[in-house]
Amino acid sequence: MKKERIMGTKRWFYWLSIGVILILVYKFLDNFSGIGKWLLNLLSILTPFLAGILIAYILYIPCKKIEQLLKSRKIKHTRGISITIVYLLAILVIALIIKFIIPIMVQSVMDLVENIQSYYNSIVAEEYNSEISPWLQNNVLKPIVEYTQKINFEEMFTPDMIKTYLSSAFGAVKTIVNIFISFICSVYIIAQRESIVDFINKLAKSTMTKKGYNRFTKYFTSGNQIFFKFISSQVIDALVVAIISSIAMAIIGVKYALLLGAFIGIANLIPYFGAIVGVAIAVIITLLTGGLKQAVIMAVVVIILQQIDANIINPRITSSRLKISPLLVIFAVTIGGAYFGVIGMFIAVPIATLIKLVIDDFIMEKLKESSNDTVKVRSDENDEIKK
């Protein structure tokens, strides 16, 4: 069957898939809003499991390295020991962040909000008028100050707001439970990774032809490598950027250096746009708290650090760059952010890379078939001439 050869699946699975797809399309068009809500609810339910997969991706390499080290020393139960060590270290790091870094950042945010009016008054004072243009004052600094002035701390503790806080507290409990589920899922994924891959392998082999199975194996392996390298490298790189940016700004004397450095690192997770937005907001806050001279110095230093990261640090963290056009990256990040928010912007690049790989292979295959057909036609024409 031609369809079977093209799709690479067995006949029964092909027609079953077509039937399921037709039913889903019909139900989606018949009840668009209901299906949309159902998909959102499904995504909310699956969030802990998806987070568990992400955690497993990030912690897989250290677990594997420790496991290999333990095996070389002929220690028993290497996998369980390696997982225990890595997760204890991860929990320790999170605990240290919660104890020492989070309180400083919270205090910095509260201090910034409470004193932003005085920062604005000083920046637009007589002695700074020659340094700060009226356009910058009216279109950048003034809207920020007006927004923060609307925050009334007394209104935050009314009975209605307290009810809202209690509701948020229950939501926080649910979040903690989801985080616990995510960690448990990630442990099982790392511990049973061979069994999971073997199951997927057997399922694919039982539903696909040999050609389709080979193609699936190729894309599954490539996709796994793309996601693993991108996600793990971006997280590590963001941490490095946050640390060096915080240290550099602390040396310069920038106020809220830790807060701004952490924000730049987190923003750096989003390709292209993240670095620009992170630095721009950090410059505006530095302009308010330290004046134009300090803001310019901070901007120059951070931009230099960003270039060092992009050309030296990030390539070393990522063993091989994703071969994808910057235009396609911008397009993917825009589409991902429009439909799936910040998470969509984060995962858009590896998904676009995998789609590009599939399309490139399809084009090459069709060009090869076209070339073979041309050669065959010419051969037939030569045979006719000889006759």
Protein backbone atom coordinates (compact mmCIF):
# COMPACT_ATOMS: atom_id res chain seq x y z
CA MET A 1 0.00 0.00 0.00
CA LYS A 2 1.45 3.34 -1.06
CA LYS A 3 0.19 5.21 2.03
CA GLU A 4 1.85 2.61 4.20
CA ARG A 5 5.19 3.24 2.52
CA ILE A 6 4.85 7.01 2.71
CA MET A 7 3.73 7.23 6.33
CA GLY A 8 5.95 4.41 7.51
CA THR A 9 3.23 2.75 9.58
CA LYS A 10 1.43 -0.57 9.42
CA ARG A 11 -1.93 -0.61 7.66
CA TRP A 12 -4.12 -1.08 10.75
CA PHE A 13 -2.33 1.65 12.70
CA TYR A 14 -2.52 4.06 9.75
CA TRP A 15 -6.31 3.75 9.38
CA LEU A 16 -6.82 3.82 13.16
CA SER A 17 -4.83 7.05 13.33
CA ILE A 18 -6.83 8.58 10.47
CA GLY A 19 -10.10 7.69 12.24
CA VAL A 20 -8.98 9.15 15.57
CA ILE A 21 -7.73 12.35 13.90
CA LEU A 22 -11.02 12.82 12.02
CA ILE A 23 -13.02 12.37 15.23
CA LEU A 24 -10.80 14.84 17.11
CA VAL A 25 -11.02 17.43 14.33
CA TYR A 26 -14.82 17.08 14.20
CA LYS A 27 -15.19 17.41 17.99
CA PHE A 28 -12.78 20.34 18.05
CA LEU A 29 -14.73 22.26 15.42
CA ASP A 30 -18.08 21.24 16.93
CA ASN A 31 -17.16 22.46 20.42
CA PHE A 32 -14.24 24.85 20.00
CA SER A 33 -14.46 26.64 23.38
CA GLY A 34 -15.14 23.43 25.30
CA ILE A 35 -12.18 21.64 23.72
CA GLY A 36 -9.98 24.65 24.45
CA LYS A 37 -10.93 24.57 28.14
CA TRP A 38 -10.42 20.82 28.22
CA LEU A 39 -6.93 21.18 26.74
CA LEU A 40 -6.04 23.89 29.28
CA ASN A 41 -7.27 21.69 32.14
CA LEU A 42 -5.32 18.74 30.74
CA LEU A 43 -2.20 20.88 30.52
CA SER A 44 -2.73 22.02 34.14
CA ILE A 45 -3.07 18.40 35.28
CA LEU A 46 0.03 17.32 33.34
CA THR A 47 2.13 20.26 34.56
CA PRO A 48 3.76 18.30 37.46
CA PHE A 49 4.67 15.46 35.08
CA LEU A 50 6.04 17.84 32.46
CA ALA A 51 8.04 19.60 35.19
CA GLY A 52 9.31 16.18 36.30
CA ILE A 53 10.57 15.50 32.78
CA LEU A 54 12.32 18.88 32.78
CA ILE A 55 13.97 18.19 36.15
CA ALA A 56 15.08 14.76 34.90
CA TYR A 57 16.61 16.39 31.82
CA ILE A 58 18.57 18.85 33.95
CA LEU A 59 19.80 16.32 36.54
CA TYR A 60 20.46 13.45 34.12
CA ILE A 61 24.08 14.38 33.33
CA PRO A 62 25.32 14.71 36.96
CA CYS A 63 23.49 11.46 37.85
CA LYS A 64 25.11 9.68 34.90
CA LYS A 65 28.60 11.02 35.72
CA ILE A 66 28.39 9.99 39.37
CA GLU A 67 26.98 6.59 38.39
CA GLN A 68 29.89 5.99 36.00
CA LEU A 69 32.37 7.05 38.70
CA LEU A 70 30.83 4.63 41.21
CA LYS A 71 30.83 1.79 38.66
CA SER A 72 34.53 2.33 37.96
CA ARG A 73 35.16 1.73 41.67
CA LYS A 74 32.96 -1.39 41.60
CA ILE A 75 30.41 -0.04 44.09
CA LYS A 76 27.01 -1.74 44.22
CA HIS A 77 23.65 0.00 43.71
CA THR A 78 25.33 2.78 41.74
CA ARG A 79 22.15 4.21 40.26
CA GLY A 80 20.33 4.61 43.56
CA ILE A 81 23.39 6.14 45.22
CA SER A 82 23.99 8.56 42.33
CA ILE A 83 20.35 9.71 42.32
CA THR A 84 20.39 10.17 46.11
CA ILE A 85 23.59 12.26 45.99
CA VAL A 86 22.42 14.51 43.14
CA TYR A 87 18.95 15.13 44.61
CA LEU A 88 20.35 15.84 48.09
CA LEU A 89 22.72 18.38 46.54
CA ALA A 90 19.83 19.93 44.57
CA ILE A 91 17.69 20.18 47.72
CA LEU A 92 20.64 21.69 49.62
CA VAL A 93 21.15 24.34 46.92
CA ILE A 94 17.42 25.18 46.91
CA ALA A 95 17.41 25.42 50.73
CA LEU A 96 20.41 27.78 50.70
CA ILE A 97 18.74 29.95 48.06
CA ILE A 98 15.52 30.13 50.10
CA LYS A 99 17.39 30.92 53.32
CA PHE A 100 19.92 33.48 52.11
CA ILE A 101 19.12 34.80 48.62
CA ILE A 102 15.30 34.97 48.47
CA PRO A 103 14.96 37.21 51.61
CA ILE A 104 17.52 39.65 50.19
CA MET A 105 15.69 39.80 46.87
CA VAL A 106 12.29 40.28 48.54
CA GLN A 107 13.70 43.06 50.72
CA SER A 108 15.25 44.67 47.62
CA VAL A 109 11.90 44.65 45.79
CA MET A 110 10.08 46.18 48.80
CA ASP A 111 12.78 48.82 49.23
CA LEU A 112 12.67 49.67 45.51
CA VAL A 113 8.88 50.10 45.55
CA GLU A 114 8.89 52.21 48.72
CA ASN A 115 11.69 54.54 47.58
CA ILE A 116 11.01 54.84 43.87
CA GLN A 117 9.39 58.28 44.30
CA SER A 118 12.51 59.67 45.98
CA TYR A 119 14.66 58.09 43.25
CA TYR A 120 12.52 59.79 40.63
CA ASN A 121 12.64 63.16 42.42
CA SER A 122 16.42 63.04 42.57
CA ILE A 123 16.82 61.97 38.97
CA VAL A 124 14.71 64.85 37.65
CA ALA A 125 16.20 67.41 40.05
CA GLU A 126 17.83 70.60 38.81
CA GLU A 127 21.36 69.19 38.81
CA TYR A 128 20.39 66.22 36.60
CA ASN A 129 18.36 68.09 34.01
CA SER A 130 21.38 68.49 31.77
CA GLU A 131 22.03 64.75 31.88
CA ILE A 132 18.52 63.31 31.49
CA SER A 133 16.51 64.32 28.45
CA PRO A 134 12.87 65.41 28.96
CA TRP A 135 11.70 62.61 26.62
CA LEU A 136 13.30 59.98 28.87
CA GLN A 137 11.76 61.53 31.97
CA ASN A 138 8.24 61.74 30.55
CA ASN A 139 8.07 58.49 28.57
CA VAL A 140 10.16 56.04 30.60
CA LEU A 141 10.74 57.14 34.20
CA LYS A 142 7.47 58.93 34.92
CA PRO A 143 5.13 56.02 33.91
CA ILE A 144 7.12 53.64 36.13
CA VAL A 145 6.85 55.98 39.12
CA GLU A 146 3.14 56.65 38.56
CA TYR A 147 2.42 52.92 38.46
CA THR A 148 4.30 52.19 41.68
CA GLN A 149 2.66 55.17 43.42
CA LYS A 150 -0.73 53.49 42.95
CA ILE A 151 0.36 50.64 45.23
CA ASN A 152 -1.35 51.15 48.60
CA PHE A 153 0.03 48.86 51.29
CA GLU A 154 -2.88 49.56 53.66
CA GLU A 155 -5.39 48.23 51.12
CA MET A 156 -3.40 45.01 50.93
CA PHE A 157 -4.68 43.92 54.37
CA THR A 158 -8.44 44.43 54.14
CA PRO A 159 -10.78 41.46 54.99
CA ASP A 160 -11.40 40.79 51.30
CA MET A 161 -7.68 40.80 50.58
CA ILE A 162 -7.06 38.45 53.52
CA LYS A 163 -9.56 36.01 51.98
CA THR A 164 -7.66 36.30 48.74
CA TYR A 165 -4.40 35.59 50.57
CA LEU A 166 -5.94 32.50 52.19
CA SER A 167 -7.07 31.30 48.77
CA SER A 168 -3.56 31.93 47.50
CA ALA A 169 -2.20 29.98 50.48
CA PHE A 170 -4.27 26.95 49.45
CA GLY A 171 -2.97 27.45 45.96
CA ALA A 172 0.55 27.52 47.38
CA VAL A 173 -0.09 24.21 49.15
CA LYS A 174 -1.24 22.76 45.83
CA THR A 175 1.91 24.12 44.19
CA ILE A 176 4.07 22.48 46.86
CA VAL A 177 2.29 19.17 46.27
CA ASN A 178 2.85 19.55 42.52
CA ILE A 179 6.54 20.28 43.11
CA PHE A 180 6.78 17.13 45.24
CA ILE A 181 5.08 15.10 42.48
CA SER A 182 7.47 16.60 39.92
CA PHE A 183 10.51 15.53 41.94
CA ILE A 184 9.13 12.01 42.41
CA CYS A 185 8.39 11.72 38.67
CA SER A 186 11.89 12.93 37.79
CA VAL A 187 13.43 10.31 40.13
CA TYR A 188 11.46 7.52 38.45
CA ILE A 189 12.33 8.82 34.97
CA ILE A 190 16.06 8.84 35.72
CA ALA A 191 15.97 5.51 37.58
CA GLN A 192 13.97 3.71 34.87
CA ARG A 193 15.19 5.53 31.78
CA GLU A 194 16.21 2.31 29.97
CA SER A 195 12.79 0.74 30.59
CA ILE A 196 10.99 3.86 29.31
CA VAL A 197 13.10 4.01 26.15
CA ASP A 198 12.69 0.25 25.61
CA PHE A 199 8.87 0.55 25.87
CA ILE A 200 8.77 3.41 23.36
CA ASN A 201 11.09 1.42 21.09
CA LYS A 202 8.85 -1.69 21.19
CA LEU A 203 5.67 0.37 20.66
CA ALA A 204 7.17 2.07 17.61
CA LYS A 205 8.45 -1.22 16.20
CA SER A 206 5.02 -2.87 16.59
CA THR A 207 3.11 -0.06 14.83
CA MET A 208 5.55 0.98 12.07
CA THR A 209 7.19 -0.49 9.03
CA LYS A 210 10.95 -0.90 9.00
CA LYS A 211 11.47 2.36 7.11
CA GLY A 212 9.08 4.25 9.37
CA TYR A 213 10.68 2.77 12.47
CA ASN A 214 14.17 3.82 11.33
CA ARG A 215 12.88 7.32 10.67
CA PHE A 216 11.16 7.47 14.08
CA THR A 217 14.35 6.27 15.82
CA LYS A 218 16.37 8.96 14.07
CA TYR A 219 14.00 11.78 15.03
CA PHE A 220 13.45 10.47 18.55
CA THR A 221 17.21 10.36 19.16
CA SER A 222 17.81 13.73 17.50
CA GLY A 223 14.91 15.35 19.34
CA ASN A 224 16.10 14.01 22.67
CA GLN A 225 19.61 15.34 22.05
CA ILE A 226 18.29 18.73 20.93
CA PHE A 227 16.01 19.18 23.95
CA PHE A 228 18.58 17.86 26.40
CA LYS A 229 21.44 20.05 25.16
CA PHE A 230 19.28 23.14 24.85
CA ILE A 231 17.38 22.97 28.15
CA SER A 232 20.30 21.86 30.34
CA SER A 233 22.72 24.33 28.75
CA GLN A 234 20.27 27.24 28.99
CA VAL A 235 19.61 26.63 32.70
CA ILE A 236 23.32 26.36 33.52
CA ASP A 237 24.14 29.37 31.34
CA ALA A 238 21.41 31.46 33.02
CA LEU A 239 22.90 30.63 36.42
CA VAL A 240 26.39 31.63 35.23
CA VAL A 241 25.09 34.90 33.74
CA ALA A 242 23.19 35.72 36.94
CA ILE A 243 26.27 35.17 39.11
CA ILE A 244 28.78 37.12 36.99
CA SER A 245 26.29 39.95 36.37
CA SER A 246 25.55 40.27 40.10
CA ILE A 247 29.26 40.29 40.97
CA ALA A 248 30.06 42.86 38.26
CA MET A 249 27.23 45.19 39.33
CA ALA A 250 28.21 44.83 43.01
CA ILE A 251 31.78 45.90 42.11
CA ILE A 252 30.44 48.91 40.19
CA GLY A 253 28.30 49.79 43.21
CA VAL A 254 24.89 49.27 41.61
CA LYS A 255 22.08 49.12 44.14
CA TYR A 256 20.03 45.89 44.11
CA ALA A 257 22.90 44.13 42.29
CA LEU A 258 21.72 40.66 43.38
CA LEU A 259 18.12 41.32 42.32
CA LEU A 260 19.09 42.76 38.93
CA GLY A 261 21.67 40.02 38.29
CA ALA A 262 19.10 37.31 39.03
CA PHE A 263 16.58 39.02 36.75
CA ILE A 264 19.10 39.24 33.89
CA GLY A 265 19.96 35.54 34.35
CA ILE A 266 16.31 34.45 34.29
CA ALA A 267 15.56 36.67 31.28
CA ASN A 268 18.58 35.12 29.52
CA LEU A 269 16.67 31.83 29.35
CA ILE A 270 14.61 33.33 26.51
CA PRO A 271 16.72 33.47 23.30
CA TYR A 272 17.42 36.92 21.79
CA PHE A 273 14.55 38.85 23.42
CA GLY A 274 15.34 37.81 26.99
CA ALA A 275 18.83 39.31 27.13
CA ILE A 276 17.64 42.61 25.62
CA VAL A 277 14.65 42.97 27.97
CA GLY A 278 16.66 41.93 31.04
CA VAL A 279 19.46 44.46 30.42
CA ALA A 280 17.03 47.25 29.46
CA ILE A 281 15.03 46.94 32.70
CA ALA A 282 18.22 46.68 34.77
CA VAL A 283 19.55 49.88 33.12
CA ILE A 284 16.29 51.77 33.88
CA ILE A 285 16.37 50.75 37.55
CA THR A 286 20.08 51.67 37.80
CA LEU A 287 19.28 55.01 36.15
CA LEU A 288 16.73 55.68 38.90
CA THR A 289 18.89 54.54 41.79
CA GLY A 290 22.39 55.57 40.67
CA GLY A 291 22.08 58.19 37.98
CA LEU A 292 23.02 58.33 34.30
CA LYS A 293 26.78 57.75 34.70
CA GLN A 294 26.35 54.55 36.72
CA ALA A 295 23.62 53.31 34.36
CA VAL A 296 25.84 53.79 31.31
CA ILE A 297 28.80 52.04 32.99
CA MET A 298 26.54 49.16 34.08
CA ALA A 299 25.05 48.85 30.59
CA VAL A 300 28.50 48.69 28.96
CA VAL A 301 29.80 46.12 31.46
CA VAL A 302 26.72 43.88 31.24
CA ILE A 303 26.65 44.03 27.42
CA ILE A 304 30.34 43.01 27.36
CA LEU A 305 29.54 40.13 29.74
CA GLN A 306 26.64 39.12 27.50
CA GLN A 307 28.97 39.00 24.49
CA ILE A 308 31.52 36.94 26.41
CA ASP A 309 28.72 34.57 27.42
CA ALA A 310 27.35 34.29 23.87
CA ASN A 311 30.74 33.66 22.24
CA ILE A 312 32.77 31.79 24.89
CA ILE A 313 30.80 30.52 27.90
CA ASN A 314 27.61 29.31 26.19
CA PRO A 315 29.39 27.41 23.37
CA ARG A 316 31.50 25.59 25.96
CA ILE A 317 28.44 24.67 28.03
CA THR A 318 26.62 23.49 24.90
CA SER A 319 28.81 20.90 23.18
CA SER A 320 27.31 21.74 19.76
CA ARG A 321 25.26 24.69 18.63
CA LEU A 322 21.77 24.23 17.25
CA LYS A 323 22.05 24.77 13.50
CA ILE A 324 19.14 27.15 13.06
CA SER A 325 18.76 30.59 11.48
CA PRO A 326 18.43 33.61 13.82
CA LEU A 327 15.32 34.62 11.84
CA LEU A 328 13.74 31.24 12.56
CA VAL A 329 14.66 31.60 16.24
CA ILE A 330 12.93 35.00 16.45
CA PHE A 331 9.89 33.63 14.60
CA ALA A 332 9.70 30.55 16.87
CA VAL A 333 10.07 32.59 20.07
CA THR A 334 7.38 35.05 18.91
CA ILE A 335 4.89 32.29 18.07
CA GLY A 336 5.72 30.31 21.23
CA GLY A 337 5.28 33.37 23.43
CA ALA A 338 2.01 34.40 21.76
CA TYR A 339 0.33 31.02 22.35
CA PHE A 340 2.08 29.53 25.39
CA GLY A 341 3.60 32.46 27.28
CA VAL A 342 7.08 32.38 28.81
CA ILE A 343 7.27 28.56 28.73
CA GLY A 344 6.42 28.67 25.03
CA MET A 345 9.24 31.13 24.40
CA PHE A 346 11.62 28.84 26.27
CA ILE A 347 10.84 25.60 24.42
CA ALA A 348 10.11 27.16 21.01
CA VAL A 349 13.71 26.96 19.78
CA PRO A 350 14.30 23.21 20.27
CA ILE A 351 10.86 22.43 18.79
CA ALA A 352 11.58 24.64 15.77
CA THR A 353 14.98 22.95 15.37
CA LEU A 354 13.39 19.49 15.34
CA ILE A 355 10.70 20.59 12.85
CA LYS A 356 13.41 22.08 10.62
CA LEU A 357 15.31 18.77 10.74
CA VAL A 358 12.19 16.84 9.64
CA ILE A 359 11.45 19.30 6.80
CA ASP A 360 15.10 19.26 5.61
CA ASP A 361 15.07 15.46 5.47
CA PHE A 362 11.74 15.50 3.58
CA ILE A 363 13.11 17.98 1.02
CA MET A 364 16.33 16.00 0.55
CA GLU A 365 14.37 12.78 0.09
CA LYS A 366 12.09 14.36 -2.53
CA LEU A 367 15.05 15.91 -4.37
CA LYS A 368 16.79 12.55 -4.38
CA GLU A 369 13.66 10.85 -5.77
CA SER A 370 13.34 13.56 -8.42
CA SER A 371 17.01 13.14 -9.36
CA ASN A 372 16.61 9.35 -9.65
CA ASP A 373 13.50 9.78 -11.82
CA THR A 374 15.40 12.16 -14.10
CA VAL A 375 18.27 9.69 -14.45
CA LYS A 376 15.80 6.89 -15.17
CA VAL A 377 14.03 8.95 -17.89
CA ARG A 378 17.35 9.80 -19.54
CA SER A 379 18.37 6.13 -19.44
CA ASP A 380 15.08 5.14 -21.09
CA GLU A 381 15.58 7.81 -23.77
CA ASN A 382 19.09 6.51 -24.51
CA ASP A 383 17.73 2.97 -24.81
CA GLU A 384 15.11 4.19 -27.28
CA ILE A 385 17.76 5.97 -29.37
CA LYS A 386 19.90 2.80 -29.49
CA LYS A 387 16.93 0.80 -30.73
